[in-house]
PDB file of N, CA and C in Angstrom:
ATOM      1  N   LYS A   1      70.748  48.980  87.308  1.00  0.00           N
ATOM      2  CA  LYS A   1      70.282  50.290  86.958  1.00  0.00           C
ATOM      3  C   LYS A   1      68.868  50.435  87.491  1.00  0.00           C
ATOM      4  N   GLY A   2      68.535  51.606  88.024  1.00  0.00           N
ATOM      5  CA  GLY A   2      67.198  51.798  88.521  1.00  0.00           C
ATOM      6  C   GLY A   2      66.988  53.152  89.152  1.00  0.00           C
ATOM      7  N   THR A   3      65.818  53.296  89.751  1.00  0.00           N
ATOM      8  CA  THR A   3      65.455  54.549  90.396  1.00  0.00           C
ATOM      9  C   THR A   3      64.771  54.260  91.722  1.00  0.00           C
ATOM     10  N   ILE A   4      64.871  55.241  92.618  1.00  0.00           N
ATOM     11  CA  ILE A   4      64.121  55.221  93.875  1.00  0.00           C
ATOM     12  C   ILE A   4      63.246  56.462  93.868  1.00  0.00           C
ATOM     13  N   SER A   5      61.927  56.264  94.009  1.00  0.00           N
ATOM     14  CA  SER A   5      60.970  57.361  93.993  1.00  0.00           C
ATOM     15  C   SER A   5      60.403  57.562  95.387  1.00  0.00           C
ATOM     16  N   ASN A   6      60.115  58.797  95.717  1.00  0.00           N
ATOM     17  CA  ASN A   6      59.509  59.123  96.997  1.00  0.00           C
ATOM     18  C   ASN A   6      58.003  59.243  96.805  1.00  0.00           C
ATOM     19  N   ALA A   7      57.259  58.391  97.491  1.00  0.00           N
ATOM     20  CA  ALA A   7      55.798  58.421  97.423  1.00  0.00           C
ATOM     21  C   ALA A   7      55.261  58.687  98.827  1.00  0.00           C
ATOM     22  N   GLY A   8      55.543  59.850  99.354  1.00  0.00           N
ATOM     23  CA  GLY A   8      55.165  60.160 100.732  1.00  0.00           C
ATOM     24  C   GLY A   8      56.215  59.605 101.671  1.00  0.00           C
ATOM     25  N   ASP A   9      55.784  58.763 102.620  1.00  0.00           N
ATOM     26  CA  ASP A   9      56.734  58.128 103.540  1.00  0.00           C
ATOM     27  C   ASP A   9      57.356  56.863 102.947  1.00  0.00           C
ATOM     28  N   VAL A  10      56.772  56.363 101.880  1.00  0.00           N
ATOM     29  CA  VAL A  10      57.242  55.124 101.277  1.00  0.00           C
ATOM     30  C   VAL A  10      58.164  55.441 100.113  1.00  0.00           C
ATOM     31  N   LEU A  11      59.285  54.710 100.046  1.00  0.00           N
ATOM     32  CA  LEU A  11      60.200  54.823  98.914  1.00  0.00           C
ATOM     33  C   LEU A  11      59.980  53.615  98.006  1.00  0.00           C
ATOM     34  N   LEU A  12      59.921  53.846  96.709  1.00  0.00           N
ATOM     35  CA  LEU A  12      59.691  52.783  95.743  1.00  0.00           C
ATOM     36  C   LEU A  12      60.951  52.560  94.915  1.00  0.00           C
ATOM     37  N   LEU A  13      61.484  51.352  94.972  1.00  0.00           N
ATOM     38  CA  LEU A  13      62.673  50.978  94.207  1.00  0.00           C
ATOM     39  C   LEU A  13      62.222  50.230  92.962  1.00  0.00           C
ATOM     40  N   GLU A  14      62.633  50.723  91.802  1.00  0.00           N
ATOM     41  CA  GLU A  14      62.407  50.060  90.528  1.00  0.00           C
ATOM     42  C   GLU A  14      63.764  49.919  89.860  1.00  0.00           C
ATOM     43  N   ALA A  15      64.195  48.679  89.621  1.00  0.00           N
ATOM     44  CA  ALA A  15      65.529  48.464  89.078  1.00  0.00           C
ATOM     45  C   ALA A  15      65.586  47.195  88.236  1.00  0.00           C
ATOM     46  N   MET A  16      66.610  47.124  87.405  1.00  0.00           N
ATOM     47  CA  MET A  16      66.925  45.943  86.617  1.00  0.00           C
ATOM     48  C   MET A  16      68.354  45.559  86.997  1.00  0.00           C
ATOM     49  N   VAL A  17      68.544  44.328  87.428  1.00  0.00           N
ATOM     50  CA  VAL A  17      69.843  43.875  87.929  1.00  0.00           C
ATOM     51  C   VAL A  17      70.375  42.776  87.020  1.00  0.00           C
ATOM     52  N   GLU A  18      71.646  42.871  86.670  1.00  0.00           N
ATOM     53  CA  GLU A  18      72.324  41.828  85.908  1.00  0.00           C
ATOM     54  C   GLU A  18      73.559  41.406  86.679  1.00  0.00           C
ATOM     55  N   ALA A  19      73.789  40.099  86.740  1.00  0.00           N
ATOM     56  CA  ALA A  19      74.951  39.584  87.466  1.00  0.00           C
ATOM     57  C   ALA A  19      75.463  38.326  86.775  1.00  0.00           C
ATOM     58  N   MET A  20      76.756  38.106  86.866  1.00  0.00           N
ATOM     59  CA  MET A  20      77.357  36.871  86.386  1.00  0.00           C
ATOM     60  C   MET A  20      77.392  35.905  87.579  1.00  0.00           C
ATOM     61  N   VAL A  21      76.823  34.705  87.382  1.00  0.00           N
ATOM     62  CA  VAL A  21      76.630  33.759  88.470  1.00  0.00           C
ATOM     63  C   VAL A  21      77.341  32.452  88.150  1.00  0.00           C
ATOM     64  N   ASN A  22      78.069  31.915  89.123  1.00  0.00           N
ATOM     65  CA  ASN A  22      78.691  30.604  88.977  1.00  0.00           C
ATOM     66  C   ASN A  22      77.621  29.542  89.191  1.00  0.00           C
ATOM     67  N   ARG A  23      77.498  28.635  88.228  1.00  0.00           N
ATOM     68  CA  ARG A  23      76.475  27.599  88.278  1.00  0.00           C
ATOM     69  C   ARG A  23      77.083  26.237  87.979  1.00  0.00           C
ATOM     70  N   THR A  24      76.285  25.191  88.223  1.00  0.00           N
ATOM     71  CA  THR A  24      76.643  23.830  87.856  1.00  0.00           C
ATOM     72  C   THR A  24      75.556  23.302  86.943  1.00  0.00           C
ATOM     73  N   CYS A  25      75.933  22.754  85.813  1.00  0.00           N
ATOM     74  CA  CYS A  25      74.972  22.241  84.841  1.00  0.00           C
ATOM     75  C   CYS A  25      74.163  21.104  85.467  1.00  0.00           C
ATOM     76  N   GLY A  26      72.858  21.141  85.267  1.00  0.00           N
ATOM     77  CA  GLY A  26      71.971  20.127  85.825  1.00  0.00           C
ATOM     78  C   GLY A  26      72.031  18.800  85.083  1.00  0.00           C
ATOM     79  N   ARG A  27      72.684  18.731  83.932  1.00  0.00           N
ATOM     80  CA  ARG A  27      72.784  17.489  83.168  1.00  0.00           C
ATOM     81  C   ARG A  27      74.181  16.877  83.198  1.00  0.00           C
ATOM     82  N   CYS A  28      75.212  17.696  82.970  1.00  0.00           N
ATOM     83  CA  CYS A  28      76.570  17.139  82.879  1.00  0.00           C
ATOM     84  C   CYS A  28      77.444  17.485  84.085  1.00  0.00           C
ATOM     85  N   LEU A  29      76.929  18.266  85.019  1.00  0.00           N
ATOM     86  CA  LEU A  29      77.611  18.645  86.264  1.00  0.00           C
ATOM     87  C   LEU A  29      78.857  19.499  86.050  1.00  0.00           C
ATOM     88  N   LYS A  30      78.985  20.112  84.881  1.00  0.00           N
ATOM     89  CA  LYS A  30      80.121  20.972  84.585  1.00  0.00           C
ATOM     90  C   LYS A  30      79.872  22.354  85.194  1.00  0.00           C
ATOM     91  N   ALA A  31      80.909  22.953  85.792  1.00  0.00           N
ATOM     92  CA  ALA A  31      80.797  24.304  86.333  1.00  0.00           C
ATOM     93  C   ALA A  31      80.891  25.310  85.184  1.00  0.00           C
ATOM     94  N   PHE A  32      80.041  26.331  85.224  1.00  0.00           N
ATOM     95  CA  PHE A  32      80.071  27.371  84.204  1.00  0.00           C
ATOM     96  C   PHE A  32      79.557  28.669  84.802  1.00  0.00           C
ATOM     97  N   THR A  33      79.784  29.761  84.100  1.00  0.00           N
ATOM     98  CA  THR A  33      79.321  31.075  84.533  1.00  0.00           C
ATOM     99  C   THR A  33      78.213  31.516  83.594  1.00  0.00           C
ATOM    100  N   GLY A  34      77.086  31.913  84.183  1.00  0.00           N
ATOM    101  CA  GLY A  34      75.945  32.347  83.386  1.00  0.00           C
ATOM    102  C   GLY A  34      75.462  33.714  83.819  1.00  0.00           C
ATOM    103  N   LYS A  35      74.753  34.370  82.931  1.00  0.00           N
ATOM    104  CA  LYS A  35      74.235  35.704  83.204  1.00  0.00           C
ATOM    105  C   LYS A  35      72.835  35.581  83.799  1.00  0.00           C
ATOM    106  N   SER A  36      72.593  36.289  84.885  1.00  0.00           N
ATOM    107  CA  SER A  36      71.284  36.292  85.521  1.00  0.00           C
ATOM    108  C   SER A  36      70.743  37.716  85.494  1.00  0.00           C
ATOM    109  N   THR A  37      69.480  37.868  85.096  1.00  0.00           N
ATOM    110  CA  THR A  37      68.832  39.169  85.025  1.00  0.00           C
ATOM    111  C   THR A  37      67.566  39.122  85.870  1.00  0.00           C
ATOM    112  N   ALA A  38      67.374  40.157  86.688  1.00  0.00           N
ATOM    113  CA  ALA A  38      66.205  40.197  87.560  1.00  0.00           C
ATOM    114  C   ALA A  38      65.628  41.603  87.605  1.00  0.00           C
ATOM    115  N   GLU A  39      64.314  41.654  87.716  1.00  0.00           N
ATOM    116  CA  GLU A  39      63.630  42.925  87.887  1.00  0.00           C
ATOM    117  C   GLU A  39      63.321  43.093  89.374  1.00  0.00           C
ATOM    118  N   VAL A  40      63.621  44.273  89.911  1.00  0.00           N
ATOM    119  CA  VAL A  40      63.392  44.551  91.321  1.00  0.00           C
ATOM    120  C   VAL A  40      62.328  45.637  91.430  1.00  0.00           C
ATOM    121  N   LEU A  41      61.289  45.356  92.194  1.00  0.00           N
ATOM    122  CA  LEU A  41      60.228  46.317  92.456  1.00  0.00           C
ATOM    123  C   LEU A  41      59.836  46.142  93.922  1.00  0.00           C
ATOM    124  N   GLU A  42      60.343  47.030  94.778  1.00  0.00           N
ATOM    125  CA  GLU A  42      60.136  46.899  96.218  1.00  0.00           C
ATOM    126  C   GLU A  42      59.790  48.231  96.847  1.00  0.00           C
ATOM    127  N   LYS A  43      59.081  48.163  97.978  1.00  0.00           N
ATOM    128  CA  LYS A  43      58.754  49.347  98.765  1.00  0.00           C
ATOM    129  C   LYS A  43      59.588  49.344 100.038  1.00  0.00           C
ATOM    130  N   PHE A  44      60.025  50.529 100.429  1.00  0.00           N
ATOM    131  CA  PHE A  44      60.775  50.713 101.676  1.00  0.00           C
ATOM    132  C   PHE A  44      59.965  51.635 102.584  1.00  0.00           C
ATOM    133  N   TYR A  45      59.753  51.190 103.820  1.00  0.00           N
ATOM    134  CA  TYR A  45      58.983  51.962 104.786  1.00  0.00           C
ATOM    135  C   TYR A  45      59.928  52.574 105.807  1.00  0.00           C
ATOM    136  N   PRO A  46      59.582  53.736 106.395  1.00  0.00           N
ATOM    137  CA  PRO A  46      60.423  54.315 107.436  1.00  0.00           C
ATOM    138  C   PRO A  46      60.454  53.394 108.652  1.00  0.00           C
ATOM    139  N   ALA A  47      61.582  53.366 109.344  1.00  0.00           N
ATOM    140  CA  ALA A  47      61.745  52.494 110.503  1.00  0.00           C
ATOM    141  C   ALA A  47      60.734  52.833 111.599  1.00  0.00           C
ATOM    142  N   SER A  48      60.271  54.059 111.643  1.00  0.00           N
ATOM    143  CA  SER A  48      59.323  54.483 112.675  1.00  0.00           C
ATOM    144  C   SER A  48      57.865  54.201 112.307  1.00  0.00           C
ATOM    145  N   ALA A  49      57.609  53.655 111.132  1.00  0.00           N
ATOM    146  CA  ALA A  49      56.235  53.405 110.686  1.00  0.00           C
ATOM    147  C   ALA A  49      55.582  52.306 111.514  1.00  0.00           C
ATOM    148  N   GLU A  50      54.272  52.429 111.685  1.00  0.00           N
ATOM    149  CA  GLU A  50      53.513  51.435 112.434  1.00  0.00           C
ATOM    150  C   GLU A  50      52.707  50.575 111.468  1.00  0.00           C
ATOM    151  N   ASN A  51      52.343  49.394 111.928  1.00  0.00           N
ATOM    152  CA  ASN A  51      51.497  48.465 111.165  1.00  0.00           C
ATOM    153  C   ASN A  51      52.089  48.070 109.818  1.00  0.00           C
ATOM    154  N   ILE A  52      53.385  47.827 109.786  1.00  0.00           N
ATOM    155  CA  ILE A  52      53.992  47.307 108.558  1.00  0.00           C
ATOM    156  C   ILE A  52      54.240  45.814 108.739  1.00  0.00           C
ATOM    157  N   GLU A  53      54.329  45.109 107.649  1.00  0.00           N
ATOM    158  CA  GLU A  53      54.549  43.667 107.700  1.00  0.00           C
ATOM    159  C   GLU A  53      55.938  43.354 108.240  1.00  0.00           C
ATOM    160  N   ASN A  54      56.092  42.152 108.822  1.00  0.00           N
ATOM    161  CA  ASN A  54      57.374  41.761 109.405  1.00  0.00           C
ATOM    162  C   ASN A  54      58.489  41.655 108.372  1.00  0.00           C
ATOM    163  N   ASP A  55      58.147  41.272 107.156  1.00  0.00           N
ATOM    164  CA  ASP A  55      59.177  41.086 106.132  1.00  0.00           C
ATOM    165  C   ASP A  55      59.337  42.306 105.225  1.00  0.00           C
ATOM    166  N   ALA A  56      58.725  43.433 105.594  1.00  0.00           N
ATOM    167  CA  ALA A  56      58.838  44.652 104.791  1.00  0.00           C
ATOM    168  C   ALA A  56      60.229  45.249 104.946  1.00  0.00           C
ATOM    169  N   PHE A  57      60.696  45.893 103.900  1.00  0.00           N
ATOM    170  CA  PHE A  57      61.992  46.564 103.938  1.00  0.00           C
ATOM    171  C   PHE A  57      61.820  47.940 104.563  1.00  0.00           C
ATOM    172  N   ILE A  58      62.790  48.319 105.394  1.00  0.00           N
ATOM    173  CA  ILE A  58      62.709  49.618 106.074  1.00  0.00           C
ATOM    174  C   ILE A  58      63.942  50.449 105.752  1.00  0.00           C
ATOM    175  N   TYR A  59      63.818  51.758 106.012  1.00  0.00           N
ATOM    176  CA  TYR A  59      64.964  52.658 105.875  1.00  0.00           C
ATOM    177  C   TYR A  59      64.996  53.587 107.077  1.00  0.00           C
ATOM    178  N   GLU A  60      66.205  54.030 107.403  1.00  0.00           N
ATOM    179  CA  GLU A  60      66.384  54.964 108.509  1.00  0.00           C
ATOM    180  C   GLU A  60      67.028  56.231 107.975  1.00  0.00           C
ATOM    181  N   SER A  61      66.449  57.353 108.270  1.00  0.00           N
ATOM    182  CA  SER A  61      66.869  58.686 107.815  1.00  0.00           C
ATOM    183  C   SER A  61      67.121  58.665 106.307  1.00  0.00           C
ATOM    184  N   ASP A  62      68.353  58.856 105.867  1.00  0.00           N
ATOM    185  CA  ASP A  62      68.659  58.896 104.436  1.00  0.00           C
ATOM    186  C   ASP A  62      69.352  57.623 103.949  1.00  0.00           C
ATOM    187  N   ILE A  63      69.338  56.572 104.737  1.00  0.00           N
ATOM    188  CA  ILE A  63      70.065  55.351 104.393  1.00  0.00           C
ATOM    189  C   ILE A  63      69.084  54.267 103.947  1.00  0.00           C
ATOM    190  N   VAL A  64      69.246  53.802 102.707  1.00  0.00           N
ATOM    191  CA  VAL A  64      68.426  52.726 102.146  1.00  0.00           C
ATOM    192  C   VAL A  64      69.378  51.613 101.725  1.00  0.00           C
ATOM    193  N   ASP A  65      69.261  50.452 102.383  1.00  0.00           N
ATOM    194  CA  ASP A  65      70.115  49.314 102.059  1.00  0.00           C
ATOM    195  C   ASP A  65      69.426  48.466 100.986  1.00  0.00           C
ATOM    196  N   LEU A  66      70.001  48.420  99.797  1.00  0.00           N
ATOM    197  CA  LEU A  66      69.414  47.710  98.656  1.00  0.00           C
ATOM    198  C   LEU A  66      69.866  46.252  98.560  1.00  0.00           C
ATOM    199  N   THR A  67      70.772  45.835  99.426  1.00  0.00           N
ATOM    200  CA  THR A  67      71.387  44.519  99.326  1.00  0.00           C
ATOM    201  C   THR A  67      70.357  43.389  99.337  1.00  0.00           C
ATOM    202  N   GLU A  68      69.478  43.373 100.327  1.00  0.00           N
ATOM    203  CA  GLU A  68      68.541  42.262 100.484  1.00  0.00           C
ATOM    204  C   GLU A  68      67.515  42.172  99.350  1.00  0.00           C
ATOM    205  N   PRO A  69      66.858  43.262  98.943  1.00  0.00           N
ATOM    206  CA  PRO A  69      65.905  43.104  97.828  1.00  0.00           C
ATOM    207  C   PRO A  69      66.574  42.681  96.517  1.00  0.00           C
ATOM    208  N   ILE A  70      67.790  43.130  96.281  1.00  0.00           N
ATOM    209  CA  ILE A  70      68.504  42.723  95.068  1.00  0.00           C
ATOM    210  C   ILE A  70      68.877  41.254  95.147  1.00  0.00           C
ATOM    211  N   ARG A  71      69.349  40.813  96.310  1.00  0.00           N
ATOM    212  CA  ARG A  71      69.711  39.404  96.502  1.00  0.00           C
ATOM    213  C   ARG A  71      68.498  38.507  96.306  1.00  0.00           C
ATOM    214  N   GLU A  72      67.365  38.874  96.901  1.00  0.00           N
ATOM    215  CA  GLU A  72      66.144  38.077  96.766  1.00  0.00           C
ATOM    216  C   GLU A  72      65.685  38.000  95.311  1.00  0.00           C
ATOM    217  N   SER A  73      65.744  39.107  94.600  1.00  0.00           N
ATOM    218  CA  SER A  73      65.315  39.117  93.200  1.00  0.00           C
ATOM    219  C   SER A  73      66.205  38.234  92.343  1.00  0.00           C
ATOM    220  N   LEU A  74      67.505  38.276  92.586  1.00  0.00           N
ATOM    221  CA  LEU A  74      68.424  37.419  91.829  1.00  0.00           C
ATOM    222  C   LEU A  74      68.192  35.944  92.140  1.00  0.00           C
ATOM    223  N   LEU A  75      67.918  35.621  93.394  1.00  0.00           N
ATOM    224  CA  LEU A  75      67.649  34.228  93.754  1.00  0.00           C
ATOM    225  C   LEU A  75      66.367  33.722  93.096  1.00  0.00           C
ATOM    226  N   LEU A  76      65.345  34.565  93.049  1.00  0.00           N
ATOM    227  CA  LEU A  76      64.093  34.164  92.417  1.00  0.00           C
ATOM    228  C   LEU A  76      64.213  34.044  90.902  1.00  0.00           C
ATOM    229  N   ALA A  77      65.169  34.716  90.310  1.00  0.00           N
ATOM    230  CA  ALA A  77      65.369  34.672  88.864  1.00  0.00           C
ATOM    231  C   ALA A  77      66.185  33.460  88.417  1.00  0.00           C
ATOM    232  N   GLU A  78      66.770  32.730  89.358  1.00  0.00           N
ATOM    233  CA  GLU A  78      67.582  31.569  89.005  1.00  0.00           C
ATOM    234  C   GLU A  78      66.714  30.460  88.417  1.00  0.00           C
ATOM    235  N   PRO A  79      67.179  29.809  87.360  1.00  0.00           N
ATOM    236  CA  PRO A  79      66.413  28.704  86.774  1.00  0.00           C
ATOM    237  C   PRO A  79      66.421  27.492  87.705  1.00  0.00           C
ATOM    238  N   LEU A  80      65.388  26.655  87.609  1.00  0.00           N
ATOM    239  CA  LEU A  80      65.334  25.454  88.438  1.00  0.00           C
ATOM    240  C   LEU A  80      66.440  24.478  88.057  1.00  0.00           C
ATOM    241  N   GLN A  81      66.722  24.375  86.777  1.00  0.00           N
ATOM    242  CA  GLN A  81      67.804  23.515  86.307  1.00  0.00           C
ATOM    243  C   GLN A  81      68.655  24.321  85.335  1.00  0.00           C
ATOM    244  N   ALA A  82      69.806  24.739  85.787  1.00  0.00           N
ATOM    245  CA  ALA A  82      70.717  25.508  84.933  1.00  0.00           C
ATOM    246  C   ALA A  82      71.425  24.558  83.980  1.00  0.00           C
ATOM    247  N   LEU A  83      71.508  24.943  82.711  1.00  0.00           N
ATOM    248  CA  LEU A  83      72.189  24.132  81.709  1.00  0.00           C
ATOM    249  C   LEU A  83      73.363  24.909  81.139  1.00  0.00           C
ATOM    250  N   CYS A  84      74.501  24.218  80.935  1.00  0.00           N
ATOM    251  CA  CYS A  84      75.688  24.871  80.379  1.00  0.00           C
ATOM    252  C   CYS A  84      75.423  25.340  78.953  1.00  0.00           C
ATOM    253  N   ARG A  85      74.576  24.604  78.240  1.00  0.00           N
ATOM    254  CA  ARG A  85      74.105  24.998  76.912  1.00  0.00           C
ATOM    255  C   ARG A  85      72.784  24.281  76.667  1.00  0.00           C
ATOM    256  N   ILE A  86      71.999  24.796  75.753  1.00  0.00           N
ATOM    257  CA  ILE A  86      70.644  24.281  75.532  1.00  0.00           C
ATOM    258  C   ILE A  86      70.661  22.822  75.084  1.00  0.00           C
ATOM    259  N   ASP A  87      71.615  22.445  74.247  1.00  0.00           N
ATOM    260  CA  ASP A  87      71.659  21.086  73.713  1.00  0.00           C
ATOM    261  C   ASP A  87      72.586  20.162  74.503  1.00  0.00           C
ATOM    262  N   CYS A  88      72.794  20.426  75.783  1.00  0.00           N
ATOM    263  CA  CYS A  88      73.666  19.588  76.614  1.00  0.00           C
ATOM    264  C   CYS A  88      73.107  18.163  76.657  1.00  0.00           C
ATOM    265  N   GLN A  89      73.975  17.182  76.392  1.00  0.00           N
ATOM    266  CA  GLN A  89      73.575  15.769  76.355  1.00  0.00           C
ATOM    267  C   GLN A  89      73.621  15.102  77.726  1.00  0.00           C
ATOM    268  N   GLY A  90      74.308  15.714  78.678  1.00  0.00           N
ATOM    269  CA  GLY A  90      74.372  15.147  80.022  1.00  0.00           C
ATOM    270  C   GLY A  90      75.376  14.019  80.142  1.00  0.00           C
ATOM    271  N   LEU A  91      75.181  13.209  81.185  1.00  0.00           N
ATOM    272  CA  LEU A  91      76.070  12.087  81.473  1.00  0.00           C
ATOM    273  C   LEU A  91      75.407  10.776  81.085  1.00  0.00           C
ATOM    274  N   CYS A  92      76.221   9.811  80.717  1.00  0.00           N
ATOM    275  CA  CYS A  92      75.722   8.480  80.390  1.00  0.00           C
ATOM    276  C   CYS A  92      75.204   7.831  81.675  1.00  0.00           C
ATOM    277  N   PRO A  93      73.985   7.272  81.679  1.00  0.00           N
ATOM    278  CA  PRO A  93      73.463   6.654  82.897  1.00  0.00           C
ATOM    279  C   PRO A  93      74.140   5.336  83.253  1.00  0.00           C
ATOM    280  N   VAL A  94      74.911   4.769  82.319  1.00  0.00           N
ATOM    281  CA  VAL A  94      75.581   3.494  82.576  1.00  0.00           C
ATOM    282  C   VAL A  94      76.990   3.709  83.126  1.00  0.00           C
ATOM    283  N   CYS A  95      77.814   4.478  82.388  1.00  0.00           N
ATOM    284  CA  CYS A  95      79.221   4.625  82.788  1.00  0.00           C
ATOM    285  C   CYS A  95      79.563   6.001  83.353  1.00  0.00           C
ATOM    286  N   GLY A  96      78.685   6.971  83.179  1.00  0.00           N
ATOM    287  CA  GLY A  96      78.921   8.310  83.720  1.00  0.00           C
ATOM    288  C   GLY A  96      79.766   9.205  82.834  1.00  0.00           C
ATOM    289  N   ALA A  97      80.062   8.779  81.607  1.00  0.00           N
ATOM    290  CA  ALA A  97      80.872   9.588  80.690  1.00  0.00           C
ATOM    291  C   ALA A  97      80.075  10.804  80.216  1.00  0.00           C
ATOM    292  N   ASP A  98      80.787  11.875  79.922  1.00  0.00           N
ATOM    293  CA  ASP A  98      80.164  13.097  79.413  1.00  0.00           C
ATOM    294  C   ASP A  98      79.787  12.878  77.952  1.00  0.00           C
ATOM    295  N   ARG A  99      78.496  12.880  77.648  1.00  0.00           N
ATOM    296  CA  ARG A  99      78.019  12.639  76.287  1.00  0.00           C
ATOM    297  C   ARG A  99      78.314  13.803  75.349  1.00  0.00           C
ATOM    298  N   ASN A 100      78.642  14.956  75.873  1.00  0.00           N
ATOM    299  CA  ASN A 100      78.985  16.101  75.031  1.00  0.00           C
ATOM    300  C   ASN A 100      80.335  15.901  74.348  1.00  0.00           C
ATOM    301  N   LYS A 101      81.189  15.065  74.923  1.00  0.00           N
ATOM    302  CA  LYS A 101      82.522  14.819  74.357  1.00  0.00           C
ATOM    303  C   LYS A 101      82.519  13.699  73.333  1.00  0.00           C
ATOM    304  N   GLY A 102      81.426  12.949  73.254  1.00  0.00           N
ATOM    305  CA  GLY A 102      81.346  11.862  72.291  1.00  0.00           C
ATOM    306  C   GLY A 102      80.536  10.711  72.842  1.00  0.00           C
ATOM    307  N   ASP A 103      80.216   9.770  71.954  1.00  0.00           N
ATOM    308  CA  ASP A 103      79.429   8.602  72.347  1.00  0.00           C
ATOM    309  C   ASP A 103      80.331   7.600  73.051  1.00  0.00           C
ATOM    310  N   CYS A 104      79.883   7.106  74.194  1.00  0.00           N
ATOM    311  CA  CYS A 104      80.695   6.152  74.959  1.00  0.00           C
ATOM    312  C   CYS A 104      80.460   4.711  74.517  1.00  0.00           C
ATOM    313  N   GLY A 105      79.403   4.462  73.772  1.00  0.00           N
ATOM    314  CA  GLY A 105      79.131   3.123  73.262  1.00  0.00           C
ATOM    315  C   GLY A 105      78.320   2.253  74.203  1.00  0.00           C
ATOM    316  N   CYS A 106      77.872   2.764  75.308  1.00  0.00           N
ATOM    317  CA  CYS A 106      77.084   1.971  76.256  1.00  0.00           C
ATOM    318  C   CYS A 106      75.682   1.709  75.713  1.00  0.00           C
ATOM    319  N   ASP A 107      75.138   0.547  76.080  1.00  0.00           N
ATOM    320  CA  ASP A 107      73.769   0.196  75.701  1.00  0.00           C
ATOM    321  C   ASP A 107      72.834   0.781  76.757  1.00  0.00           C
ATOM    322  N   THR A 108      72.057   1.786  76.369  1.00  0.00           N
ATOM    323  CA  THR A 108      71.154   2.449  77.313  1.00  0.00           C
ATOM    324  C   THR A 108      69.702   2.058  77.061  1.00  0.00           C
ATOM    325  N   THR A 109      69.470   0.953  76.363  1.00  0.00           N
ATOM    326  CA  THR A 109      68.106   0.546  76.059  1.00  0.00           C
ATOM    327  C   THR A 109      67.547  -0.435  77.090  1.00  0.00           C
ATOM    328  N   THR A 110      68.186  -0.595  78.225  1.00  0.00           N
ATOM    329  CA  THR A 110      67.691  -1.518  79.245  1.00  0.00           C
ATOM    330  C   THR A 110      66.354  -1.026  79.783  1.00  0.00           C
ATOM    331  N   VAL A 111      65.503  -1.977  80.122  1.00  0.00           N
ATOM    332  CA  VAL A 111      64.168  -1.674  80.625  1.00  0.00           C
ATOM    333  C   VAL A 111      64.096  -2.094  82.087  1.00  0.00           C
ATOM    334  N   ASP A 112      63.464  -1.273  82.896  1.00  0.00           N
ATOM    335  CA  ASP A 112      63.250  -1.592  84.303  1.00  0.00           C
ATOM    336  C   ASP A 112      62.467  -2.906  84.368  1.00  0.00           C
ATOM    337  N   PRO A 113      62.921  -3.908  85.134  1.00  0.00           N
ATOM    338  CA  PRO A 113      62.238  -5.201  85.179  1.00  0.00           C
ATOM    339  C   PRO A 113      60.769  -5.091  85.597  1.00  0.00           C
ATOM    340  N   ARG A 114      60.434  -4.089  86.382  1.00  0.00           N
ATOM    341  CA  ARG A 114      59.046  -3.919  86.819  1.00  0.00           C
ATOM    342  C   ARG A 114      58.149  -3.484  85.669  1.00  0.00           C
ATOM    343  N   LEU A 115      58.761  -2.879  84.622  1.00  0.00           N
ATOM    344  CA  LEU A 115      57.982  -2.412  83.479  1.00  0.00           C
ATOM    345  C   LEU A 115      58.142  -3.300  82.249  1.00  0.00           C
ATOM    346  N   ALA A 116      58.867  -4.393  82.389  1.00  0.00           N
ATOM    347  CA  ALA A 116      59.132  -5.276  81.249  1.00  0.00           C
ATOM    348  C   ALA A 116      57.844  -5.831  80.650  1.00  0.00           C
ATOM    349  N   ALA A 117      56.835  -6.096  81.472  1.00  0.00           N
ATOM    350  CA  ALA A 117      55.580  -6.638  80.960  1.00  0.00           C
ATOM    351  C   ALA A 117      54.883  -5.647  80.033  1.00  0.00           C
ATOM    352  N   LEU A 118      55.059  -4.350  80.266  1.00  0.00           N
ATOM    353  CA  LEU A 118      54.446  -3.336  79.415  1.00  0.00           C
ATOM    354  C   LEU A 118      55.078  -3.291  78.030  1.00  0.00           C
ATOM    355  N   LYS A 119      56.309  -3.756  77.925  1.00  0.00           N
ATOM    356  CA  LYS A 119      56.989  -3.768  76.632  1.00  0.00           C
ATOM    357  C   LYS A 119      56.296  -4.694  75.646  1.00  0.00           C
ATOM    358  N   GLN A 120      55.627  -5.731  76.165  1.00  0.00           N
ATOM    359  CA  GLN A 120      54.900  -6.652  75.305  1.00  0.00           C
ATOM    360  C   GLN A 120      53.753  -5.940  74.568  1.00  0.00           C
ATOM    361  N   PHE A 121      53.127  -4.948  75.190  1.00  0.00           N
ATOM    362  CA  PHE A 121      52.049  -4.209  74.545  1.00  0.00           C
ATOM    363  C   PHE A 121      52.553  -3.408  73.353  1.00  0.00           C
ATOM    364  N   ILE A 122      53.781  -2.902  73.447  1.00  0.00           N
ATOM    365  CA  ILE A 122      54.355  -2.119  72.345  1.00  0.00           C
ATOM    366  C   ILE A 122      54.648  -3.001  71.149  1.00  0.00           C
ATOM    367  N   LYS A 123      55.096  -4.246  71.386  1.00  0.00           N
ATOM    368  CA  LYS A 123      55.410  -5.164  70.307  1.00  0.00           C
ATOM    369  C   LYS A 123      54.165  -5.579  69.523  1.00  0.00           C
ATOM    370  N   ASN A 124      53.028  -5.660  70.206  1.00  0.00           N
ATOM    371  CA  ASN A 124      51.790  -6.122  69.554  1.00  0.00           C
ATOM    372  C   ASN A 124      51.147  -5.017  68.844  1.00  0.00           C
TER     373      ASN A 124
END
């Protein structure tokens, strides 16, 4: 939903975009569909305009293509690590079992041998 305003030769697009996006959970690797919301605020310059930036959006006569600014806004709104749910437990680092389905019983208290000497400080 949005509006396009005429500000002289420049057209101003103000919109709010919602889309359902297929994602993969960053912890358990499960595929899921999530809702993405993005705000779009872009200027469109006439194709005949001079001294515009190379990456500026342009329009010709009465045709304004909204595809690219909407796509860019949705990409920028994507989270760095998408999670299927907030409390996702992820995968077991030992056996790879999905911790959301239950405890696998693996011992995950192993310490990196390079850091084993530091464990002595915690005991004291």
